[in-house]
């Protein structure tokens, strides 16, 4: 878990329990372990099947509209050649 992911979790779904002490954020390691265990799913994936991720896991980070427009322009320029 990254600091970025934990910050996002505190603002959105709150899957990991935490304490606020003034501006400081603290975690109880035992409660964090329990929360992580609740994410666990099944055993090993069957051969050839796609890996399964919890619904909160972002497979592809959100990209800005500008980046998408730039990629579209590059693809169009390549097709025009």
PDB file of N, CA and C in Angstrom:
ATOM      1  N   UNK A   1       0.838  -1.172   0.000  1.00  0.00           N
ATOM      2  CA  UNK A   1       0.000   0.000   0.000  1.00  0.00           C
ATOM      3  C   UNK A   1       0.883   1.234   0.000  1.00  0.00           C
ATOM      4  N   UNK A   2       0.632   2.112  -0.903  1.00  0.00           N
ATOM      5  CA  UNK A   2       1.411   3.341  -0.973  1.00  0.00           C
ATOM      6  C   UNK A   2       0.761   4.443  -0.147  1.00  0.00           C
ATOM      7  N   UNK A   3       1.541   5.476   0.127  1.00  0.00           N
ATOM      8  CA  UNK A   3       1.013   6.637   0.839  1.00  0.00           C
ATOM      9  C   UNK A   3      -0.119   7.250   0.027  1.00  0.00           C
ATOM     10  N   UNK A   4       0.084   7.326  -1.303  1.00  0.00           N
ATOM     11  CA  UNK A   4      -0.958   7.885  -2.174  1.00  0.00           C
ATOM     12  C   UNK A   4      -2.263   7.087  -2.048  1.00  0.00           C
ATOM     13  N   UNK A   5      -2.160   5.770  -2.057  1.00  0.00           N
ATOM     14  CA  UNK A   5      -3.357   4.926  -1.971  1.00  0.00           C
ATOM     15  C   UNK A   5      -4.061   5.143  -0.635  1.00  0.00           C
ATOM     16  N   UNK A   6      -3.279   5.219   0.452  1.00  0.00           N
ATOM     17  CA  UNK A   6      -3.874   5.436   1.770  1.00  0.00           C
ATOM     18  C   UNK A   6      -4.565   6.794   1.860  1.00  0.00           C
ATOM     19  N   UNK A   7      -3.940   7.833   1.287  1.00  0.00           N
ATOM     20  CA  UNK A   7      -4.574   9.154   1.287  1.00  0.00           C
ATOM     21  C   UNK A   7      -5.892   9.120   0.525  1.00  0.00           C
ATOM     22  N   UNK A   8      -5.879   8.472  -0.632  1.00  0.00           N
ATOM     23  CA  UNK A   8      -7.095   8.368  -1.443  1.00  0.00           C
ATOM     24  C   UNK A   8      -8.169   7.584  -0.689  1.00  0.00           C
ATOM     25  N   UNK A   9      -7.764   6.516  -0.015  1.00  0.00           N
ATOM     26  CA  UNK A   9      -8.700   5.711   0.761  1.00  0.00           C
ATOM     27  C   UNK A   9      -9.351   6.535   1.866  1.00  0.00           C
ATOM     28  N   UNK A  10      -8.570   7.386   2.535  1.00  0.00           N
ATOM     29  CA  UNK A  10      -9.136   8.223   3.598  1.00  0.00           C
ATOM     30  C   UNK A  10     -10.179   9.194   3.050  1.00  0.00           C
ATOM     31  N   UNK A  11      -9.996   9.658   1.807  1.00  0.00           N
ATOM     32  CA  UNK A  11     -10.946  10.604   1.210  1.00  0.00           C
ATOM     33  C   UNK A  11     -12.162   9.920   0.597  1.00  0.00           C
ATOM     34  N   UNK A  12     -12.052   8.645   0.250  1.00  0.00           N
ATOM     35  CA  UNK A  12     -13.130   7.999  -0.504  1.00  0.00           C
ATOM     36  C   UNK A  12     -13.758   6.853   0.281  1.00  0.00           C
ATOM     37  N   UNK A  13     -13.341   5.632   0.040  1.00  0.00           N
ATOM     38  CA  UNK A  13     -14.045   4.446   0.548  1.00  0.00           C
ATOM     39  C   UNK A  13     -13.768   4.092   2.000  1.00  0.00           C
ATOM     40  N   UNK A  14     -12.664   4.536   2.547  1.00  0.00           N
ATOM     41  CA  UNK A  14     -12.295   4.258   3.942  1.00  0.00           C
ATOM     42  C   UNK A  14     -12.282   2.756   4.255  1.00  0.00           C
ATOM     43  N   UNK A  15     -11.514   2.027   3.482  1.00  0.00           N
ATOM     44  CA  UNK A  15     -11.377   0.588   3.699  1.00  0.00           C
ATOM     45  C   UNK A  15     -10.427   0.282   4.856  1.00  0.00           C
ATOM     46  N   UNK A  16      -9.425   1.131   5.065  1.00  0.00           N
ATOM     47  CA  UNK A  16      -8.439   0.941   6.113  1.00  0.00           C
ATOM     48  C   UNK A  16      -8.759   1.893   7.264  1.00  0.00           C
ATOM     49  N   UNK A  17      -8.998   1.364   8.492  1.00  0.00           N
ATOM     50  CA  UNK A  17      -9.327   2.234   9.628  1.00  0.00           C
ATOM     51  C   UNK A  17      -8.114   3.064  10.065  1.00  0.00           C
ATOM     52  N   UNK A  18      -8.363   4.301  10.508  1.00  0.00           N
ATOM     53  CA  UNK A  18      -7.286   5.188  10.937  1.00  0.00           C
ATOM     54  C   UNK A  18      -7.766   6.118  12.037  1.00  0.00           C
ATOM     55  N   UNK A  19      -6.805   6.774  12.700  1.00  0.00           N
ATOM     56  CA  UNK A  19      -7.084   7.762  13.737  1.00  0.00           C
ATOM     57  C   UNK A  19      -6.508   9.095  13.295  1.00  0.00           C
ATOM     58  N   UNK A  20      -7.216  10.175  13.576  1.00  0.00           N
ATOM     59  CA  UNK A  20      -6.695  11.522  13.333  1.00  0.00           C
ATOM     60  C   UNK A  20      -6.323  12.115  14.680  1.00  0.00           C
ATOM     61  N   UNK A  21      -5.094  12.543  14.842  1.00  0.00           N
ATOM     62  CA  UNK A  21      -4.618  13.226  16.037  1.00  0.00           C
ATOM     63  C   UNK A  21      -4.107  14.589  15.586  1.00  0.00           C
ATOM     64  N   UNK A  22      -4.975  15.586  15.618  1.00  0.00           N
ATOM     65  CA  UNK A  22      -4.623  16.887  15.058  1.00  0.00           C
ATOM     66  C   UNK A  22      -4.501  16.743  13.553  1.00  0.00           C
ATOM     67  N   UNK A  23      -3.348  17.093  13.006  1.00  0.00           N
ATOM     68  CA  UNK A  23      -3.094  16.922  11.577  1.00  0.00           C
ATOM     69  C   UNK A  23      -2.498  15.555  11.249  1.00  0.00           C
ATOM     70  N   UNK A  24      -2.068  14.832  12.283  1.00  0.00           N
ATOM     71  CA  UNK A  24      -1.410  13.542  12.077  1.00  0.00           C
ATOM     72  C   UNK A  24      -2.446  12.433  11.870  1.00  0.00           C
ATOM     73  N   UNK A  25      -2.079  11.463  11.043  1.00  0.00           N
ATOM     74  CA  UNK A  25      -2.911  10.289  10.800  1.00  0.00           C
ATOM     75  C   UNK A  25      -2.137   9.073  11.300  1.00  0.00           C
ATOM     76  N   UNK A  26      -2.789   8.240  12.106  1.00  0.00           N
ATOM     77  CA  UNK A  26      -2.143   7.056  12.674  1.00  0.00           C
ATOM     78  C   UNK A  26      -3.000   5.826  12.401  1.00  0.00           C
ATOM     79  N   UNK A  27      -2.320   4.672  12.255  1.00  0.00           N
ATOM     80  CA  UNK A  27      -2.994   3.413  11.981  1.00  0.00           C
ATOM     81  C   UNK A  27      -2.681   2.406  13.072  1.00  0.00           C
ATOM     82  N   UNK A  28      -3.677   1.620  13.491  1.00  0.00           N
ATOM     83  CA  UNK A  28      -3.478   0.500  14.407  1.00  0.00           C
ATOM     84  C   UNK A  28      -3.150  -0.702  13.530  1.00  0.00           C
ATOM     85  N   UNK A  29      -1.931  -1.214  13.640  1.00  0.00           N
ATOM     86  CA  UNK A  29      -1.466  -2.276  12.734  1.00  0.00           C
ATOM     87  C   UNK A  29      -2.352  -3.512  12.790  1.00  0.00           C
ATOM     88  N   UNK A  30      -2.883  -3.849  13.954  1.00  0.00           N
ATOM     89  CA  UNK A  30      -3.767  -5.009  14.063  1.00  0.00           C
ATOM     90  C   UNK A  30      -5.051  -4.824  13.258  1.00  0.00           C
ATOM     91  N   UNK A  31      -5.640  -3.643  13.347  1.00  0.00           N
ATOM     92  CA  UNK A  31      -6.874  -3.364  12.590  1.00  0.00           C
ATOM     93  C   UNK A  31      -6.595  -3.273  11.101  1.00  0.00           C
ATOM     94  N   UNK A  32      -5.404  -2.785  10.736  1.00  0.00           N
ATOM     95  CA  UNK A  32      -5.027  -2.721   9.317  1.00  0.00           C
ATOM     96  C   UNK A  32      -4.894  -4.134   8.760  1.00  0.00           C
ATOM     97  N   UNK A  33      -4.249  -5.023   9.522  1.00  0.00           N
ATOM     98  CA  UNK A  33      -4.110  -6.424   9.072  1.00  0.00           C
ATOM     99  C   UNK A  33      -5.476  -7.079   8.892  1.00  0.00           C
ATOM    100  N   UNK A  34      -6.396  -6.837   9.836  1.00  0.00           N
ATOM    101  CA  UNK A  34      -7.753  -7.390   9.706  1.00  0.00           C
ATOM    102  C   UNK A  34      -8.435  -6.872   8.436  1.00  0.00           C
ATOM    103  N   UNK A  35      -8.296  -5.584   8.167  1.00  0.00           N
ATOM    104  CA  UNK A  35      -8.914  -4.998   6.980  1.00  0.00           C
ATOM    105  C   UNK A  35      -8.327  -5.606   5.712  1.00  0.00           C
ATOM    106  N   UNK A  36      -7.009  -5.793   5.681  1.00  0.00           N
ATOM    107  CA  UNK A  36      -6.356  -6.378   4.506  1.00  0.00           C
ATOM    108  C   UNK A  36      -6.805  -7.824   4.322  1.00  0.00           C
ATOM    109  N   UNK A  37      -6.928  -8.579   5.422  1.00  0.00           N
ATOM    110  CA  UNK A  37      -7.394  -9.963   5.325  1.00  0.00           C
ATOM    111  C   UNK A  37      -8.799 -10.043   4.732  1.00  0.00           C
ATOM    112  N   UNK A  38      -9.617  -9.035   4.997  1.00  0.00           N
ATOM    113  CA  UNK A  38     -10.977  -9.050   4.458  1.00  0.00           C
ATOM    114  C   UNK A  38     -10.991  -8.880   2.935  1.00  0.00           C
ATOM    115  N   UNK A  39      -9.875  -8.396   2.355  1.00  0.00           N
ATOM    116  CA  UNK A  39      -9.788  -8.248   0.892  1.00  0.00           C
ATOM    117  C   UNK A  39      -9.472  -9.578   0.208  1.00  0.00           C
ATOM    118  N   UNK A  40      -8.978 -10.559   0.965  1.00  0.00           N
ATOM    119  CA  UNK A  40      -8.498 -11.817   0.392  1.00  0.00           C
ATOM    120  C   UNK A  40      -9.611 -12.540  -0.351  1.00  0.00           C
ATOM    121  N   UNK A  41      -9.256 -13.074  -1.509  1.00  0.00           N
ATOM    122  CA  UNK A  41     -10.211 -13.832  -2.319  1.00  0.00           C
ATOM    123  C   UNK A  41      -9.596 -15.152  -2.741  1.00  0.00           C
ATOM    124  N   UNK A  42     -10.276 -16.244  -2.539  1.00  0.00           N
ATOM    125  CA  UNK A  42      -9.923 -17.556  -3.055  1.00  0.00           C
ATOM    126  C   UNK A  42      -8.457 -17.931  -2.970  1.00  0.00           C
ATOM    127  N   UNK A  43      -8.092 -18.934  -3.764  1.00  0.00           N
ATOM    128  CA  UNK A  43      -6.714 -19.401  -3.827  1.00  0.00           C
ATOM    129  C   UNK A  43      -6.076 -18.966  -5.127  1.00  0.00           C
ATOM    130  N   UNK A  44      -5.216 -19.818  -5.649  1.00  0.00           N
ATOM    131  CA  UNK A  44      -4.519 -19.503  -6.898  1.00  0.00           C
ATOM    132  C   UNK A  44      -5.517 -19.488  -8.051  1.00  0.00           C
ATOM    133  N   UNK A  45      -5.298 -18.601  -9.003  1.00  0.00           N
ATOM    134  CA  UNK A  45      -6.172 -18.508 -10.170  1.00  0.00           C
ATOM    135  C   UNK A  45      -5.971 -19.737 -11.058  1.00  0.00           C
ATOM    136  N   UNK A  46      -7.041 -20.137 -11.717  1.00  0.00           N
ATOM    137  CA  UNK A  46      -6.949 -21.258 -12.648  1.00  0.00           C
ATOM    138  C   UNK A  46      -6.038 -20.860 -13.796  1.00  0.00           C
ATOM    139  N   UNK A  47      -5.325 -21.834 -14.360  1.00  0.00           N
ATOM    140  CA  UNK A  47      -4.388 -21.550 -15.442  1.00  0.00           C
ATOM    141  C   UNK A  47      -5.128 -20.954 -16.639  1.00  0.00           C
ATOM    142  N   UNK A  48      -4.585 -19.868 -17.158  1.00  0.00           N
ATOM    143  CA  UNK A  48      -5.182 -19.217 -18.320  1.00  0.00           C
ATOM    144  C   UNK A  48      -6.247 -18.192 -17.990  1.00  0.00           C
ATOM    145  N   UNK A  49      -6.656 -18.116 -16.745  1.00  0.00           N
ATOM    146  CA  UNK A  49      -7.677 -17.127 -16.401  1.00  0.00           C
ATOM    147  C   UNK A  49      -7.024 -15.812 -16.009  1.00  0.00           C
ATOM    148  N   UNK A  50      -7.760 -14.741 -16.155  1.00  0.00           N
ATOM    149  CA  UNK A  50      -7.244 -13.420 -15.789  1.00  0.00           C
ATOM    150  C   UNK A  50      -7.163 -13.305 -14.275  1.00  0.00           C
ATOM    151  N   UNK A  51      -6.203 -12.550 -13.811  1.00  0.00           N
ATOM    152  CA  UNK A  51      -6.077 -12.316 -12.377  1.00  0.00           C
ATOM    153  C   UNK A  51      -7.280 -11.511 -11.898  1.00  0.00           C
ATOM    154  N   UNK A  52      -7.732 -11.793 -10.682  1.00  0.00           N
ATOM    155  CA  UNK A  52      -8.883 -11.071 -10.128  1.00  0.00           C
ATOM    156  C   UNK A  52      -8.390 -10.046  -9.132  1.00  0.00           C
ATOM    157  N   UNK A  53      -8.950  -8.880  -9.204  1.00  0.00           N
ATOM    158  CA  UNK A  53      -8.604  -7.797  -8.297  1.00  0.00           C
ATOM    159  C   UNK A  53      -9.855  -7.361  -7.564  1.00  0.00           C
ATOM    160  N   UNK A  54      -9.714  -6.894  -6.328  1.00  0.00           N
ATOM    161  CA  UNK A  54     -10.876  -6.333  -5.639  1.00  0.00           C
ATOM    162  C   UNK A  54     -11.411  -5.149  -6.441  1.00  0.00           C
ATOM    163  N   UNK A  55     -12.697  -4.865  -6.315  1.00  0.00           N
ATOM    164  CA  UNK A  55     -13.312  -3.818  -7.130  1.00  0.00           C
ATOM    165  C   UNK A  55     -12.702  -2.444  -6.889  1.00  0.00           C
ATOM    166  N   UNK A  56     -12.094  -2.204  -5.711  1.00  0.00           N
ATOM    167  CA  UNK A  56     -11.520  -0.893  -5.432  1.00  0.00           C
ATOM    168  C   UNK A  56     -10.171  -0.703  -6.104  1.00  0.00           C
ATOM    169  N   UNK A  57      -9.552  -1.782  -6.608  1.00  0.00           N
ATOM    170  CA  UNK A  57      -8.233  -1.691  -7.200  1.00  0.00           C
ATOM    171  C   UNK A  57      -8.342  -1.132  -8.610  1.00  0.00           C
ATOM    172  N   UNK A  58      -7.610  -0.078  -8.875  1.00  0.00           N
ATOM    173  CA  UNK A  58      -7.652   0.534 -10.196  1.00  0.00           C
ATOM    174  C   UNK A  58      -6.642  -0.158 -11.095  1.00  0.00           C
ATOM    175  N   UNK A  59      -7.118  -0.803 -12.137  1.00  0.00           N
ATOM    176  CA  UNK A  59      -6.209  -1.494 -13.044  1.00  0.00           C
ATOM    177  C   UNK A  59      -5.428  -0.499 -13.901  1.00  0.00           C
ATOM    178  N   UNK A  60      -6.072   0.570 -14.289  1.00  0.00           N
ATOM    179  CA  UNK A  60      -5.403   1.593 -15.089  1.00  0.00           C
ATOM    180  C   UNK A  60      -5.654   2.938 -14.423  1.00  0.00           C
ATOM    181  N   UNK A  61      -4.595   3.631 -14.021  1.00  0.00           N
ATOM    182  CA  UNK A  61      -4.810   4.923 -13.390  1.00  0.00           C
ATOM    183  C   UNK A  61      -5.533   5.874 -14.336  1.00  0.00           C
ATOM    184  N   UNK A  62      -6.345   6.724 -13.768  1.00  0.00           N
ATOM    185  CA  UNK A  62      -7.078   7.696 -14.575  1.00  0.00           C
ATOM    186  C   UNK A  62      -6.093   8.617 -15.275  1.00  0.00           C
ATOM    187  N   UNK A  63      -6.339   8.872 -16.564  1.00  0.00           N
ATOM    188  CA  UNK A  63      -5.484   9.768 -17.324  1.00  0.00           C
ATOM    189  C   UNK A  63      -6.236  11.045 -17.622  1.00  0.00           C
ATOM    190  N   UNK A  64      -5.506  12.112 -17.793  1.00  0.00           N
ATOM    191  CA  UNK A  64      -6.152  13.388 -18.050  1.00  0.00           C
ATOM    192  C   UNK A  64      -6.695  13.426 -19.479  1.00  0.00           C
ATOM    193  N   UNK A  65      -7.653  14.273 -19.683  1.00  0.00           N
ATOM    194  CA  UNK A  65      -8.251  14.441 -21.012  1.00  0.00           C
ATOM    195  C   UNK A  65      -7.193  14.893 -22.016  1.00  0.00           C
ATOM    196  N   UNK A  66      -6.266  15.721 -21.578  1.00  0.00           N
ATOM    197  CA  UNK A  66      -5.209  16.219 -22.470  1.00  0.00           C
ATOM    198  C   UNK A  66      -4.354  15.062 -22.980  1.00  0.00           C
ATOM    199  N   UNK A  67      -4.002  14.121 -22.087  1.00  0.00           N
ATOM    200  CA  UNK A  67      -3.184  12.976 -22.499  1.00  0.00           C
ATOM    201  C   UNK A  67      -3.924  12.129 -23.519  1.00  0.00           C
ATOM    202  N   UNK A  68      -5.220  11.917 -23.317  1.00  0.00           N
ATOM    203  CA  UNK A  68      -6.005  11.141 -24.279  1.00  0.00           C
ATOM    204  C   UNK A  68      -6.090  11.841 -25.625  1.00  0.00           C
ATOM    205  N   UNK A  69      -6.281  13.171 -25.607  1.00  0.00           N
ATOM    206  CA  UNK A  69      -6.341  13.930 -26.855  1.00  0.00           C
ATOM    207  C   UNK A  69      -5.013  13.867 -27.594  1.00  0.00           C
ATOM    208  N   UNK A  70      -3.906  13.949 -26.849  1.00  0.00           N
ATOM    209  CA  UNK A  70      -2.580  13.875 -27.468  1.00  0.00           C
ATOM    210  C   UNK A  70      -2.358  12.514 -28.111  1.00  0.00           C
ATOM    211  N   UNK A  71      -2.758  11.453 -27.435  1.00  0.00           N
ATOM    212  CA  UNK A  71      -2.617  10.108 -28.012  1.00  0.00           C
ATOM    213  C   UNK A  71      -3.475   9.955 -29.262  1.00  0.00           C
ATOM    214  N   UNK A  72      -4.679  10.487 -29.213  1.00  0.00           N
ATOM    215  CA  UNK A  72      -5.568  10.417 -30.390  1.00  0.00           C
ATOM    216  C   UNK A  72      -4.970  11.182 -31.559  1.00  0.00           C
ATOM    217  N   UNK A  73      -4.383  12.347 -31.294  1.00  0.00           N
ATOM    218  CA  UNK A  73      -3.756  13.133 -32.365  1.00  0.00           C
ATOM    219  C   UNK A  73      -2.555  12.402 -32.955  1.00  0.00           C
ATOM    220  N   UNK A  74      -1.760  11.759 -32.102  1.00  0.00           N
ATOM    221  CA  UNK A  74      -0.609  10.999 -32.591  1.00  0.00           C
ATOM    222  C   UNK A  74      -1.050   9.824 -33.448  1.00  0.00           C
ATOM    223  N   UNK A  75      -2.098   9.131 -33.008  1.00  0.00           N
ATOM    224  CA  UNK A  75      -2.611   7.985 -33.777  1.00  0.00           C
ATOM    225  C   UNK A  75      -3.154   8.447 -35.125  1.00  0.00           C
ATOM    226  N   UNK A  76      -3.856   9.580 -35.133  1.00  0.00           N
ATOM    227  CA  UNK A  76      -4.391  10.105 -36.386  1.00  0.00           C
ATOM    228  C   UNK A  76      -3.272  10.517 -37.331  1.00  0.00           C
ATOM    229  N   UNK A  77      -2.233  11.154 -36.812  1.00  0.00           N
ATOM    230  CA  UNK A  77      -1.091  11.555 -37.629  1.00  0.00           C
ATOM    231  C   UNK A  77      -0.393  10.334 -38.214  1.00  0.00           C
ATOM    232  N   UNK A  78      -0.292   9.287 -37.436  1.00  0.00           N
ATOM    233  CA  UNK A  78       0.339   8.056 -37.909  1.00  0.00           C
ATOM    234  C   UNK A  78      -0.489   7.400 -39.012  1.00  0.00           C
ATOM    235  N   UNK A  79      -1.821   7.417 -38.833  1.00  0.00           N
ATOM    236  CA  UNK A  79      -2.711   6.840 -39.848  1.00  0.00           C
ATOM    237  C   UNK A  79      -2.698   7.633 -41.152  1.00  0.00           C
ATOM    238  N   UNK A  80      -2.532   8.963 -41.052  1.00  0.00           N
ATOM    239  CA  UNK A  80      -2.505   9.822 -42.235  1.00  0.00           C
ATOM    240  C   UNK A  80      -1.254   9.654 -43.064  1.00  0.00           C
ATOM    241  N   UNK A  81      -0.200   9.123 -42.485  1.00  0.00           N
ATOM    242  CA  UNK A  81       1.070   8.965 -43.207  1.00  0.00           C
ATOM    243  C   UNK A  81       1.017   7.883 -44.204  1.00  0.00           C
TER     244      UNK A  81
END
